[in-house]
N, C-alpha and C. Protein backbone atom coordinates (compact mmCIF):
# COMPACT_ATOMS: atom_id res chain seq x y z
N MET A 1 -51.00 164.89 -72.73
CA MET A 1 -51.51 166.23 -72.88
C MET A 1 -50.30 167.11 -72.79
N ALA A 2 -49.18 167.05 -73.48
CA ALA A 2 -47.94 167.68 -73.05
C ALA A 2 -47.26 168.65 -74.04
N ALA A 3 -46.62 169.88 -73.91
CA ALA A 3 -45.83 170.77 -74.79
C ALA A 3 -45.27 171.97 -74.10
N VAL A 4 -43.47 172.12 -73.88
CA VAL A 4 -43.43 173.38 -73.14
C VAL A 4 -43.73 174.44 -74.09
N VAL A 5 -44.83 174.95 -73.67
CA VAL A 5 -45.34 175.97 -74.51
C VAL A 5 -44.73 177.22 -73.92
N ASN A 6 -43.97 177.94 -74.75
CA ASN A 6 -43.34 179.16 -74.29
C ASN A 6 -44.24 180.33 -74.64
N PHE A 7 -44.59 181.12 -73.65
CA PHE A 7 -45.63 182.12 -73.86
C PHE A 7 -45.05 183.51 -74.00
N SER A 8 -45.82 184.38 -74.70
CA SER A 8 -45.47 185.77 -74.82
C SER A 8 -45.95 186.48 -73.58
N SER A 9 -45.02 186.91 -72.77
CA SER A 9 -45.40 187.51 -71.49
C SER A 9 -44.26 188.34 -70.97
N GLN A 10 -44.56 189.29 -70.14
CA GLN A 10 -43.53 190.11 -69.52
C GLN A 10 -43.19 189.62 -68.13
N THR A 11 -43.93 188.66 -67.64
CA THR A 11 -43.68 188.13 -66.31
C THR A 11 -43.30 186.68 -66.42
N PRO A 12 -42.45 186.16 -65.51
CA PRO A 12 -42.05 184.76 -65.58
C PRO A 12 -43.22 183.85 -65.31
N CYS A 13 -43.12 182.63 -65.86
CA CYS A 13 -44.18 181.65 -65.64
C CYS A 13 -44.20 181.25 -64.18
N PRO A 14 -45.38 181.09 -63.56
CA PRO A 14 -45.45 180.69 -62.16
C PRO A 14 -44.92 179.29 -61.95
N ARG A 15 -44.72 178.96 -60.69
CA ARG A 15 -44.20 177.63 -60.37
C ARG A 15 -45.34 176.63 -60.26
N PHE A 16 -45.13 175.45 -60.87
CA PHE A 16 -46.17 174.43 -60.86
C PHE A 16 -45.54 173.07 -60.60
N SER A 17 -46.39 172.09 -60.44
CA SER A 17 -45.92 170.74 -60.17
C SER A 17 -45.28 170.15 -61.41
N SER A 18 -44.48 169.09 -61.22
CA SER A 18 -43.80 168.46 -62.34
C SER A 18 -44.77 167.85 -63.33
N ARG A 19 -45.98 167.51 -62.89
CA ARG A 19 -46.95 166.92 -63.82
C ARG A 19 -47.47 167.95 -64.80
N ALA A 20 -47.85 169.11 -64.31
CA ALA A 20 -48.31 170.16 -65.23
C ALA A 20 -47.16 170.60 -66.12
N GLU A 21 -45.96 170.63 -65.56
CA GLU A 21 -44.77 170.99 -66.33
C GLU A 21 -44.59 170.03 -67.49
N ALA A 22 -44.64 168.75 -67.21
CA ALA A 22 -44.42 167.76 -68.26
C ALA A 22 -45.51 167.82 -69.32
N TRP A 23 -46.74 168.07 -68.89
CA TRP A 23 -47.86 168.13 -69.83
C TRP A 23 -47.65 169.23 -70.85
N LEU A 24 -47.16 170.37 -70.36
CA LEU A 24 -46.93 171.50 -71.26
C LEU A 24 -45.53 171.49 -71.86
N ALA A 25 -44.75 170.45 -71.51
CA ALA A 25 -43.38 170.42 -71.99
C ALA A 25 -43.21 169.58 -73.22
N HIS A 26 -44.27 169.37 -73.97
CA HIS A 26 -44.23 168.42 -75.06
C HIS A 26 -44.34 169.07 -76.42
N GLY A 27 -43.79 170.12 -76.77
CA GLY A 27 -44.09 170.61 -78.09
C GLY A 27 -43.24 171.76 -78.53
N PRO A 28 -43.88 172.73 -79.15
CA PRO A 28 -43.17 173.74 -79.88
C PRO A 28 -42.67 174.87 -79.02
N SER A 29 -41.93 175.76 -79.64
CA SER A 29 -41.52 176.99 -79.00
C SER A 29 -42.45 178.09 -79.46
N LEU A 30 -42.99 178.82 -78.52
CA LEU A 30 -43.82 179.96 -78.83
C LEU A 30 -42.98 181.22 -78.60
N PRO A 31 -43.54 182.41 -78.84
CA PRO A 31 -42.70 183.61 -78.83
C PRO A 31 -41.82 183.82 -77.61
N TYR A 32 -42.32 183.51 -76.42
CA TYR A 32 -41.51 183.67 -75.22
C TYR A 32 -40.46 182.57 -75.16
N LYS A 33 -39.18 182.94 -74.99
CA LYS A 33 -38.09 181.98 -75.11
C LYS A 33 -37.59 181.46 -73.78
N GLY A 34 -38.26 181.75 -72.70
CA GLY A 34 -37.81 181.28 -71.40
C GLY A 34 -38.30 179.88 -71.10
N THR A 35 -38.03 179.43 -69.89
CA THR A 35 -38.53 178.14 -69.44
C THR A 35 -39.23 178.33 -68.12
N CYS A 36 -40.06 177.36 -67.75
CA CYS A 36 -40.82 177.46 -66.51
C CYS A 36 -40.15 176.63 -65.42
N HIS A 37 -40.14 177.13 -64.21
CA HIS A 37 -39.66 176.39 -63.06
C HIS A 37 -40.87 175.88 -62.30
N PHE A 38 -40.80 174.68 -61.76
CA PHE A 38 -41.95 174.09 -61.09
C PHE A 38 -41.56 173.65 -59.69
N LYS A 39 -42.52 173.78 -58.77
CA LYS A 39 -42.20 173.67 -57.36
C LYS A 39 -41.74 172.29 -56.91
N ASN A 40 -42.19 171.24 -57.58
CA ASN A 40 -41.85 169.89 -57.13
C ASN A 40 -40.72 169.27 -57.92
N ASN A 41 -40.03 170.07 -58.72
CA ASN A 41 -38.96 169.54 -59.53
C ASN A 41 -37.88 170.60 -59.65
N SER A 42 -36.68 170.31 -59.19
CA SER A 42 -35.64 171.31 -59.20
C SER A 42 -35.04 171.52 -60.58
N LYS A 43 -35.33 170.64 -61.52
CA LYS A 43 -34.76 170.74 -62.85
C LYS A 43 -35.57 171.71 -63.71
N ILE A 44 -34.92 172.27 -64.72
CA ILE A 44 -35.60 173.12 -65.69
C ILE A 44 -35.97 172.26 -66.89
N VAL A 45 -37.19 172.41 -67.37
CA VAL A 45 -37.65 171.59 -68.49
C VAL A 45 -36.92 172.01 -69.75
N PRO A 46 -36.39 171.06 -70.54
CA PRO A 46 -35.76 171.43 -71.81
C PRO A 46 -36.78 172.09 -72.72
N GLN A 47 -36.30 173.06 -73.53
CA GLN A 47 -37.23 173.83 -74.35
C GLN A 47 -37.95 172.96 -75.35
N HIS A 48 -37.32 171.92 -75.84
CA HIS A 48 -37.97 171.10 -76.87
C HIS A 48 -38.84 170.01 -76.28
N GLY A 49 -38.95 169.99 -74.98
CA GLY A 49 -39.96 169.12 -74.39
C GLY A 49 -39.50 167.68 -74.21
N LEU A 50 -40.47 166.86 -73.90
CA LEU A 50 -40.23 165.46 -73.60
C LEU A 50 -40.62 164.60 -74.78
N TYR A 51 -39.93 163.45 -74.90
CA TYR A 51 -40.37 162.46 -75.87
C TYR A 51 -41.32 161.50 -75.17
N VAL A 52 -42.46 161.35 -75.73
CA VAL A 52 -43.43 160.44 -75.13
C VAL A 52 -43.83 159.39 -76.14
N ARG A 53 -44.30 158.30 -75.68
CA ARG A 53 -44.64 157.22 -76.59
C ARG A 53 -45.81 157.60 -77.48
N ARG A 54 -45.83 157.07 -78.68
CA ARG A 54 -46.80 157.49 -79.69
C ARG A 54 -48.11 156.76 -79.58
N GLN A 55 -48.09 155.58 -79.00
CA GLN A 55 -49.33 154.81 -78.97
C GLN A 55 -49.59 154.31 -77.56
N ALA A 56 -50.85 154.05 -77.26
CA ALA A 56 -51.23 153.47 -75.97
C ALA A 56 -52.42 152.57 -76.21
N GLU A 57 -52.54 151.55 -75.38
CA GLU A 57 -53.68 150.66 -75.51
C GLU A 57 -54.95 151.37 -75.10
N SER A 58 -56.02 151.14 -75.87
CA SER A 58 -57.32 151.72 -75.53
C SER A 58 -58.15 150.64 -74.84
N ARG A 59 -57.70 150.25 -73.66
CA ARG A 59 -58.34 149.13 -72.97
C ARG A 59 -59.79 149.42 -72.62
N MET A 60 -60.06 150.70 -72.34
CA MET A 60 -61.40 151.04 -71.87
C MET A 60 -62.44 150.93 -72.97
N PHE A 61 -61.98 150.90 -74.25
CA PHE A 61 -62.94 151.01 -75.33
C PHE A 61 -62.98 149.79 -76.25
N ARG A 62 -62.39 148.68 -75.85
CA ARG A 62 -62.45 147.49 -76.67
C ARG A 62 -63.87 146.98 -76.77
N GLY A 63 -64.29 146.75 -77.99
CA GLY A 63 -65.59 146.14 -78.20
C GLY A 63 -66.76 147.06 -77.99
N ARG A 64 -66.52 148.35 -77.81
CA ARG A 64 -67.63 149.26 -77.55
C ARG A 64 -68.14 149.83 -78.86
N ILE A 65 -69.17 149.25 -79.38
CA ILE A 65 -69.79 149.70 -80.61
C ILE A 65 -71.28 149.71 -80.40
N PRO A 66 -72.07 150.45 -81.16
CA PRO A 66 -71.61 151.34 -82.21
C PRO A 66 -71.06 152.64 -81.66
N VAL A 67 -70.37 153.38 -82.54
CA VAL A 67 -69.85 154.70 -82.18
C VAL A 67 -70.49 155.72 -83.09
N ARG A 68 -70.91 156.83 -82.55
CA ARG A 68 -71.51 157.88 -83.37
C ARG A 68 -70.85 159.22 -83.06
N ALA A 69 -70.71 160.03 -84.08
CA ALA A 69 -70.12 161.36 -83.89
C ALA A 69 -71.21 162.33 -83.53
N THR A 70 -70.95 163.13 -82.52
CA THR A 70 -71.92 164.12 -82.07
C THR A 70 -71.33 165.51 -82.25
N PHE A 71 -72.02 166.35 -82.99
CA PHE A 71 -71.57 167.72 -83.20
C PHE A 71 -72.30 168.60 -82.21
N SER A 72 -71.60 169.07 -81.22
CA SER A 72 -72.22 169.88 -80.18
C SER A 72 -71.85 171.33 -80.35
N ASN A 73 -72.66 172.19 -79.80
CA ASN A 73 -72.38 173.62 -79.83
C ASN A 73 -71.32 173.95 -78.81
N ARG A 74 -70.10 174.24 -79.25
CA ARG A 74 -68.99 174.48 -78.34
C ARG A 74 -69.09 175.83 -77.66
N ASN A 75 -69.98 176.68 -78.15
CA ASN A 75 -70.13 177.99 -77.53
C ASN A 75 -71.25 178.02 -76.51
N SER A 76 -71.85 176.86 -76.24
CA SER A 76 -72.93 176.81 -75.28
C SER A 76 -72.41 177.11 -73.89
N SER A 77 -73.28 177.55 -73.02
CA SER A 77 -72.87 177.94 -71.68
C SER A 77 -72.30 176.77 -70.92
N SER A 78 -71.12 176.97 -70.31
CA SER A 78 -70.50 175.89 -69.54
C SER A 78 -71.20 175.67 -68.22
N GLY A 79 -72.17 176.52 -67.89
CA GLY A 79 -72.86 176.38 -66.63
C GLY A 79 -74.04 175.43 -66.68
N SER A 80 -74.46 175.04 -67.89
CA SER A 80 -75.61 174.16 -68.01
C SER A 80 -75.22 172.73 -67.66
N SER A 81 -76.19 171.94 -67.19
CA SER A 81 -75.92 170.57 -66.80
C SER A 81 -75.69 169.70 -68.02
N SER A 82 -74.78 168.73 -67.90
CA SER A 82 -74.52 167.80 -68.99
C SER A 82 -75.58 166.71 -68.99
N THR A 83 -76.16 166.46 -70.15
CA THR A 83 -77.19 165.43 -70.25
C THR A 83 -76.73 164.25 -71.09
N SER A 84 -75.51 164.30 -71.62
CA SER A 84 -74.95 163.20 -72.39
C SER A 84 -73.44 163.23 -72.22
N SER A 85 -72.77 162.14 -72.62
CA SER A 85 -71.31 162.11 -72.51
C SER A 85 -70.67 163.17 -73.40
N SER A 86 -71.25 163.42 -74.58
CA SER A 86 -70.68 164.45 -75.46
C SER A 86 -70.81 165.83 -74.83
N ASP A 87 -71.92 166.09 -74.15
CA ASP A 87 -72.08 167.37 -73.45
C ASP A 87 -71.00 167.53 -72.38
N ALA A 88 -70.76 166.45 -71.63
CA ALA A 88 -69.77 166.50 -70.55
C ALA A 88 -68.38 166.77 -71.10
N ILE A 89 -68.03 166.13 -72.24
CA ILE A 89 -66.70 166.32 -72.81
C ILE A 89 -66.54 167.74 -73.35
N ASN A 90 -67.58 168.23 -74.03
CA ASN A 90 -67.52 169.61 -74.52
C ASN A 90 -67.38 170.60 -73.37
N ARG A 91 -68.12 170.39 -72.29
CA ARG A 91 -68.02 171.26 -71.12
C ARG A 91 -66.63 171.19 -70.50
N PHE A 92 -66.05 169.99 -70.47
CA PHE A 92 -64.73 169.79 -69.89
C PHE A 92 -63.70 170.70 -70.57
N TYR A 93 -63.64 170.66 -71.90
CA TYR A 93 -62.66 171.46 -72.61
C TYR A 93 -63.02 172.94 -72.62
N THR A 94 -64.31 173.25 -72.65
CA THR A 94 -64.72 174.66 -72.57
C THR A 94 -64.30 175.26 -71.24
N CYS A 95 -64.49 174.51 -70.16
CA CYS A 95 -64.10 175.01 -68.84
C CYS A 95 -62.59 175.19 -68.71
N ILE A 96 -61.82 174.30 -69.33
CA ILE A 96 -60.37 174.47 -69.32
C ILE A 96 -59.99 175.76 -70.04
N ASN A 97 -60.56 175.97 -71.23
CA ASN A 97 -60.25 177.18 -71.99
C ASN A 97 -60.66 178.44 -71.25
N GLU A 98 -61.79 178.36 -70.54
CA GLU A 98 -62.28 179.53 -69.80
C GLU A 98 -61.71 179.62 -68.39
N LYS A 99 -60.90 178.63 -68.01
CA LYS A 99 -60.31 178.56 -66.67
C LYS A 99 -61.39 178.56 -65.59
N ASN A 100 -62.48 177.88 -65.88
CA ASN A 100 -63.62 177.81 -64.97
C ASN A 100 -63.48 176.56 -64.09
N LEU A 101 -62.67 176.68 -63.04
CA LEU A 101 -62.37 175.53 -62.19
C LEU A 101 -63.59 175.07 -61.40
N LYS A 102 -64.46 175.99 -61.06
CA LYS A 102 -65.67 175.62 -60.32
C LYS A 102 -66.53 174.66 -61.13
N GLN A 103 -66.76 174.96 -62.40
CA GLN A 103 -67.54 174.08 -63.25
C GLN A 103 -66.81 172.77 -63.53
N LEU A 104 -65.49 172.82 -63.63
CA LEU A 104 -64.71 171.59 -63.84
C LEU A 104 -64.93 170.62 -62.69
N ARG A 105 -64.92 171.12 -61.48
CA ARG A 105 -65.12 170.26 -60.31
C ARG A 105 -66.48 169.56 -60.36
N GLU A 106 -67.47 170.24 -60.91
CA GLU A 106 -68.82 169.69 -60.93
C GLU A 106 -69.00 168.57 -61.94
N ILE A 107 -68.13 168.48 -62.95
CA ILE A 107 -68.30 167.45 -63.97
C ILE A 107 -67.27 166.33 -63.84
N ILE A 108 -66.51 166.33 -62.75
CA ILE A 108 -65.52 165.28 -62.51
C ILE A 108 -65.91 164.48 -61.28
N SER A 109 -65.88 163.17 -61.41
CA SER A 109 -66.25 162.28 -60.31
C SER A 109 -65.24 162.38 -59.16
N ASP A 110 -65.73 162.20 -57.94
CA ASP A 110 -64.84 162.24 -56.77
C ASP A 110 -63.75 161.17 -56.85
N ASP A 111 -64.09 160.01 -57.43
CA ASP A 111 -63.13 158.91 -57.52
C ASP A 111 -62.66 158.71 -58.96
N CYS A 112 -62.48 159.80 -59.70
CA CYS A 112 -62.07 159.69 -61.10
C CYS A 112 -60.68 159.05 -61.21
N TYR A 113 -60.43 158.47 -62.38
CA TYR A 113 -59.16 157.79 -62.66
C TYR A 113 -58.73 158.21 -64.06
N VAL A 114 -57.61 158.93 -64.16
CA VAL A 114 -57.19 159.50 -65.44
C VAL A 114 -55.78 159.03 -65.79
N GLU A 115 -55.67 158.34 -66.92
CA GLU A 115 -54.37 157.89 -67.42
C GLU A 115 -53.93 158.83 -68.53
N ASP A 116 -52.77 159.44 -68.36
CA ASP A 116 -52.17 160.26 -69.40
C ASP A 116 -50.87 159.58 -69.80
N CYS A 117 -50.71 159.28 -71.09
CA CYS A 117 -49.54 158.52 -71.53
C CYS A 117 -48.23 159.28 -71.38
N SER A 118 -48.30 160.56 -71.02
CA SER A 118 -47.08 161.33 -70.77
C SER A 118 -46.52 161.09 -69.38
N PHE A 119 -47.30 160.44 -68.52
CA PHE A 119 -46.89 160.26 -67.13
C PHE A 119 -46.84 158.78 -66.75
N PRO A 120 -45.90 158.40 -65.89
CA PRO A 120 -45.81 157.00 -65.48
C PRO A 120 -46.92 156.57 -64.54
N GLN A 121 -47.53 157.52 -63.84
CA GLN A 121 -48.58 157.20 -62.88
C GLN A 121 -49.87 157.93 -63.24
N PRO A 122 -51.03 157.31 -63.03
CA PRO A 122 -52.30 157.97 -63.32
C PRO A 122 -52.66 159.00 -62.26
N PHE A 123 -53.60 159.86 -62.59
CA PHE A 123 -54.20 160.76 -61.61
C PHE A 123 -55.36 160.01 -60.96
N GLN A 124 -55.37 159.94 -59.65
CA GLN A 124 -56.41 159.19 -58.95
C GLN A 124 -57.16 160.12 -58.00
N GLY A 125 -58.45 160.25 -58.24
CA GLY A 125 -59.28 161.09 -57.39
C GLY A 125 -59.39 162.52 -57.89
N LYS A 126 -60.51 163.15 -57.55
CA LYS A 126 -60.77 164.52 -58.00
C LYS A 126 -59.72 165.50 -57.51
N MET A 127 -59.29 165.38 -56.27
CA MET A 127 -58.34 166.34 -55.71
C MET A 127 -57.04 166.37 -56.51
N GLU A 128 -56.50 165.19 -56.80
CA GLU A 128 -55.23 165.13 -57.52
C GLU A 128 -55.39 165.63 -58.96
N PHE A 129 -56.47 165.23 -59.62
CA PHE A 129 -56.68 165.66 -61.00
C PHE A 129 -56.97 167.16 -61.09
N MET A 130 -57.75 167.68 -60.15
CA MET A 130 -58.06 169.11 -60.16
C MET A 130 -56.81 169.95 -59.88
N GLN A 131 -55.92 169.45 -59.05
CA GLN A 131 -54.67 170.17 -58.80
C GLN A 131 -53.89 170.32 -60.10
N PHE A 132 -53.84 169.23 -60.87
CA PHE A 132 -53.16 169.28 -62.16
C PHE A 132 -53.85 170.26 -63.12
N LEU A 133 -55.19 170.19 -63.20
CA LEU A 133 -55.93 171.06 -64.11
C LEU A 133 -55.76 172.54 -63.73
N GLU A 134 -55.72 172.81 -62.44
CA GLU A 134 -55.53 174.19 -61.99
C GLU A 134 -54.17 174.72 -62.44
N GLN A 135 -53.15 173.90 -62.30
CA GLN A 135 -51.81 174.30 -62.71
C GLN A 135 -51.70 174.41 -64.23
N LEU A 136 -52.37 173.48 -64.92
CA LEU A 136 -52.35 173.49 -66.38
C LEU A 136 -52.99 174.76 -66.94
N THR A 137 -54.18 175.09 -66.45
CA THR A 137 -54.88 176.27 -66.97
C THR A 137 -54.09 177.55 -66.70
N ALA A 138 -53.42 177.61 -65.56
CA ALA A 138 -52.61 178.80 -65.26
C ALA A 138 -51.43 178.91 -66.22
N CYS A 139 -50.78 177.79 -66.50
CA CYS A 139 -49.60 177.81 -67.36
C CYS A 139 -49.96 177.99 -68.83
N MET A 140 -51.20 177.72 -69.21
CA MET A 140 -51.64 177.93 -70.60
C MET A 140 -51.73 179.41 -70.93
N GLY A 141 -51.86 180.25 -69.93
CA GLY A 141 -51.98 181.68 -70.19
C GLY A 141 -53.31 182.03 -70.82
N GLN A 142 -53.37 183.20 -71.44
CA GLN A 142 -54.62 183.68 -72.04
C GLN A 142 -54.74 183.34 -73.51
N ASN A 143 -53.67 182.91 -74.16
CA ASN A 143 -53.69 182.74 -75.61
C ASN A 143 -53.71 181.30 -76.09
N VAL A 144 -53.37 180.34 -75.23
CA VAL A 144 -53.38 178.93 -75.63
C VAL A 144 -54.74 178.32 -75.30
N LYS A 145 -55.35 177.68 -76.30
CA LYS A 145 -56.67 177.10 -76.12
C LYS A 145 -56.72 175.70 -76.73
N PHE A 146 -57.58 174.85 -76.17
CA PHE A 146 -57.90 173.57 -76.78
C PHE A 146 -58.93 173.79 -77.88
N THR A 147 -58.74 173.12 -79.01
CA THR A 147 -59.76 173.04 -80.05
C THR A 147 -60.06 171.57 -80.26
N ILE A 148 -61.32 171.20 -80.15
CA ILE A 148 -61.69 169.79 -80.24
C ILE A 148 -62.49 169.52 -81.51
N GLY A 149 -62.43 168.26 -81.95
CA GLY A 149 -63.23 167.82 -83.09
C GLY A 149 -64.55 167.26 -82.60
N PRO A 150 -65.30 166.59 -83.48
CA PRO A 150 -66.57 165.98 -83.08
C PRO A 150 -66.34 164.95 -81.97
N VAL A 151 -67.23 164.90 -81.01
CA VAL A 151 -67.16 163.90 -79.94
C VAL A 151 -67.86 162.64 -80.43
N CYS A 152 -67.15 161.52 -80.40
CA CYS A 152 -67.71 160.24 -80.84
C CYS A 152 -68.18 159.46 -79.62
N GLU A 153 -69.46 159.19 -79.55
CA GLU A 153 -70.04 158.49 -78.40
C GLU A 153 -70.14 157.00 -78.68
N GLY A 154 -69.89 156.20 -77.64
CA GLY A 154 -70.06 154.76 -77.71
C GLY A 154 -71.11 154.30 -76.72
N ASP A 155 -71.10 153.02 -76.41
CA ASP A 155 -72.04 152.47 -75.44
C ASP A 155 -71.63 152.84 -74.02
N GLU A 156 -72.56 152.70 -73.11
CA GLU A 156 -72.30 152.85 -71.68
C GLU A 156 -71.66 154.20 -71.33
N LEU A 157 -72.13 155.26 -71.97
CA LEU A 157 -71.65 156.62 -71.68
C LEU A 157 -70.16 156.79 -71.93
N ALA A 158 -69.64 156.06 -72.92
CA ALA A 158 -68.24 156.22 -73.32
C ALA A 158 -68.16 157.20 -74.48
N ALA A 159 -67.05 157.91 -74.58
CA ALA A 159 -66.88 158.89 -75.66
C ALA A 159 -65.40 159.12 -75.93
N GLY A 160 -65.11 159.54 -77.15
CA GLY A 160 -63.74 159.87 -77.52
C GLY A 160 -63.72 161.14 -78.34
N VAL A 161 -62.59 161.85 -78.32
CA VAL A 161 -62.49 163.11 -79.06
C VAL A 161 -61.04 163.38 -79.43
N LYS A 162 -60.83 163.93 -80.63
CA LYS A 162 -59.51 164.40 -81.03
C LYS A 162 -59.41 165.90 -80.74
N TRP A 163 -58.20 166.36 -80.42
CA TRP A 163 -58.02 167.76 -80.08
C TRP A 163 -56.61 168.23 -80.45
N HIS A 164 -56.43 169.52 -80.44
CA HIS A 164 -55.10 170.11 -80.57
C HIS A 164 -55.10 171.44 -79.84
N LEU A 165 -53.91 171.98 -79.63
CA LEU A 165 -53.78 173.28 -78.98
C LEU A 165 -53.56 174.37 -80.02
N GLU A 166 -54.11 175.53 -79.75
CA GLU A 166 -53.93 176.68 -80.64
C GLU A 166 -53.38 177.87 -79.85
N TRP A 167 -52.53 178.63 -80.52
CA TRP A 167 -51.99 179.87 -79.98
C TRP A 167 -52.57 181.02 -80.80
N LYS A 168 -53.43 181.81 -80.18
CA LYS A 168 -54.11 182.90 -80.89
C LYS A 168 -54.76 182.39 -82.17
N LYS A 169 -55.47 181.27 -82.05
CA LYS A 169 -56.24 180.64 -83.13
C LYS A 169 -55.39 180.03 -84.23
N LYS A 170 -54.10 179.84 -83.98
CA LYS A 170 -53.23 179.15 -84.92
C LYS A 170 -52.74 177.86 -84.28
N GLN A 171 -52.85 176.75 -85.01
CA GLN A 171 -52.50 175.46 -84.44
C GLN A 171 -51.02 175.40 -84.09
N ILE A 172 -50.73 174.88 -82.90
CA ILE A 172 -49.36 174.72 -82.43
C ILE A 172 -48.86 173.35 -82.88
N PRO A 173 -47.68 173.27 -83.51
CA PRO A 173 -47.16 171.97 -83.95
C PRO A 173 -46.98 171.00 -82.78
N PHE A 174 -47.15 169.73 -83.07
CA PHE A 174 -46.92 168.64 -82.11
C PHE A 174 -47.81 168.71 -80.89
N THR A 175 -49.00 169.24 -81.02
CA THR A 175 -49.92 169.29 -79.86
C THR A 175 -51.23 168.57 -80.15
N ARG A 176 -51.22 167.67 -81.12
CA ARG A 176 -52.44 166.90 -81.37
C ARG A 176 -52.55 165.76 -80.37
N GLY A 177 -53.77 165.39 -80.06
CA GLY A 177 -53.99 164.28 -79.15
C GLY A 177 -55.40 163.76 -79.27
N CYS A 178 -55.66 162.68 -78.57
CA CYS A 178 -57.02 162.17 -78.48
C CYS A 178 -57.27 161.68 -77.06
N SER A 179 -58.48 161.84 -76.61
CA SER A 179 -58.85 161.47 -75.25
C SER A 179 -60.07 160.57 -75.29
N PHE A 180 -60.06 159.55 -74.44
CA PHE A 180 -61.17 158.61 -74.33
C PHE A 180 -61.75 158.71 -72.92
N PHE A 181 -63.03 158.81 -72.83
CA PHE A 181 -63.69 159.05 -71.55
C PHE A 181 -64.74 157.98 -71.25
N GLU A 182 -64.89 157.68 -69.97
CA GLU A 182 -66.02 156.92 -69.46
C GLU A 182 -66.76 157.83 -68.49
N CYS A 183 -68.03 158.01 -68.72
CA CYS A 183 -68.83 158.88 -67.85
C CYS A 183 -69.80 158.05 -67.03
N SER A 184 -70.38 158.66 -66.04
CA SER A 184 -71.41 158.00 -65.23
C SER A 184 -72.51 159.00 -64.94
N LYS A 185 -73.67 158.48 -64.57
CA LYS A 185 -74.81 159.34 -64.30
C LYS A 185 -74.91 159.58 -62.80
N GLN A 186 -75.00 160.84 -62.43
CA GLN A 186 -75.16 161.23 -61.03
C GLN A 186 -76.41 162.10 -60.94
N GLY A 187 -77.50 161.48 -60.55
CA GLY A 187 -78.78 162.19 -60.58
C GLY A 187 -79.16 162.48 -62.01
N GLU A 188 -79.36 163.75 -62.32
CA GLU A 188 -79.68 164.16 -63.68
C GLU A 188 -78.45 164.59 -64.47
N ARG A 189 -77.27 164.50 -63.84
CA ARG A 189 -76.05 164.99 -64.49
C ARG A 189 -75.19 163.84 -64.97
N ILE A 190 -74.40 164.11 -66.01
CA ILE A 190 -73.40 163.18 -66.50
C ILE A 190 -72.03 163.72 -66.10
N ILE A 191 -71.24 162.90 -65.41
CA ILE A 191 -69.92 163.34 -64.95
C ILE A 191 -68.84 162.39 -65.47
N ILE A 192 -67.62 162.88 -65.52
CA ILE A 192 -66.48 162.11 -66.02
C ILE A 192 -65.95 161.21 -64.91
N MET A 193 -65.88 159.91 -65.21
CA MET A 193 -65.42 158.94 -64.23
C MET A 193 -64.00 158.45 -64.53
N LYS A 194 -63.73 158.16 -65.82
CA LYS A 194 -62.41 157.69 -66.23
C LYS A 194 -62.01 158.39 -67.52
N ALA A 195 -60.70 158.51 -67.73
CA ALA A 195 -60.20 159.09 -68.98
C ALA A 195 -58.83 158.51 -69.31
N GLN A 196 -58.56 158.42 -70.59
CA GLN A 196 -57.24 158.00 -71.06
C GLN A 196 -56.83 158.97 -72.17
N VAL A 197 -55.63 159.51 -72.06
CA VAL A 197 -55.17 160.57 -72.97
C VAL A 197 -53.93 160.10 -73.71
N VAL A 198 -53.96 160.21 -75.04
CA VAL A 198 -52.83 159.85 -75.89
C VAL A 198 -52.40 161.09 -76.66
N ILE A 199 -51.11 161.41 -76.65
CA ILE A 199 -50.61 162.65 -77.21
C ILE A 199 -49.61 162.39 -78.33
N GLU A 200 -49.64 163.24 -79.33
CA GLU A 200 -48.69 163.16 -80.44
C GLU A 200 -47.26 163.31 -79.92
N SER A 201 -46.37 162.50 -80.47
CA SER A 201 -44.96 162.62 -80.10
C SER A 201 -44.25 163.58 -81.06
N PRO A 202 -43.33 164.41 -80.54
CA PRO A 202 -42.55 165.27 -81.43
C PRO A 202 -41.51 164.49 -82.21
N PHE A 203 -41.23 163.27 -81.78
CA PHE A 203 -40.24 162.42 -82.43
C PHE A 203 -40.95 161.61 -83.51
N LYS A 204 -40.53 161.74 -84.76
CA LYS A 204 -41.17 161.09 -85.89
C LYS A 204 -40.18 160.12 -86.55
N PRO A 205 -40.11 158.87 -86.06
CA PRO A 205 -39.12 157.93 -86.60
C PRO A 205 -39.44 157.42 -87.99
N GLY A 206 -40.71 157.52 -88.42
CA GLY A 206 -41.08 157.05 -89.75
C GLY A 206 -40.73 155.58 -89.94
N GLY A 207 -40.10 155.27 -91.08
CA GLY A 207 -39.75 153.89 -91.41
C GLY A 207 -38.70 153.29 -90.50
N PHE A 208 -37.92 154.14 -89.80
CA PHE A 208 -36.91 153.61 -88.89
C PHE A 208 -37.53 152.80 -87.76
N ALA A 209 -38.78 153.10 -87.43
CA ALA A 209 -39.46 152.37 -86.36
C ALA A 209 -39.72 150.93 -86.75
N LEU A 210 -39.66 150.62 -88.06
CA LEU A 210 -39.91 149.27 -88.54
C LEU A 210 -38.64 148.42 -88.56
N GLY A 211 -37.52 149.02 -88.21
CA GLY A 211 -36.27 148.28 -88.19
C GLY A 211 -35.51 148.46 -89.49
N SER A 212 -34.30 147.93 -89.54
CA SER A 212 -33.45 148.09 -90.72
C SER A 212 -33.87 147.14 -91.82
C-alpha cells in the first residue's frame, strides 16, 4: 500500500511511524516537494519512494472458486452494518477515505492478520493495524483518496479488489494495487479477519527481468 505522496500544504507533514511512512513512500511526486519525518525512523524517506517486489503469493486464495464480481454502492453510509464480504471491503475503503477511525475499528477483527508486501513483517492484531491506519489516513491529507474497482467475492467470505490512489480525482502514477481479504461473521456483522496487499512497483524491468 505504498507512495511518498508529497502533498500540497502550507504546514509540514506530521510525524508518523516508519510503516505508514513506507506505505506512502512508494510512488509519485505531488505538488508539495518536501519529505515527511516519522517518529520511529531517524532517516528521511527518499522522494522517489521504495522499490517493492512486484508479485506475492496469494496463499489465502488458492482453490477458492467460484469468484463473482459484486458492484456495490460506494456512496452508501459507512455506518451501516456489513452483511457480506463485499460490503465490508467497501466500508473499509470508504472509512479510510472519510478518516472514520471509529467505523474502521468496528469492521476489523481483534486478532486480524494483515500482510502487506511492502513490509517485512505483518500487522498482527487490531491495535497494531489501527495504529498504522490512523497514521496513514492522517498522512493522506484531504485530497488523496482510494478508488476501488468491483469487489470479487469467493467462497468462505473471501474477497479481492483492485484499487488505486487519486489526487483530486486524478489517478496518481504507480499507486495501483490489489488486496485480498478473508472475513468472518460476528453476530449479524461481517468483519475483516485477514488481508494480503500487493502493490505496483515503480521499477519496471520489462524484458530485463527475463534475463539476457
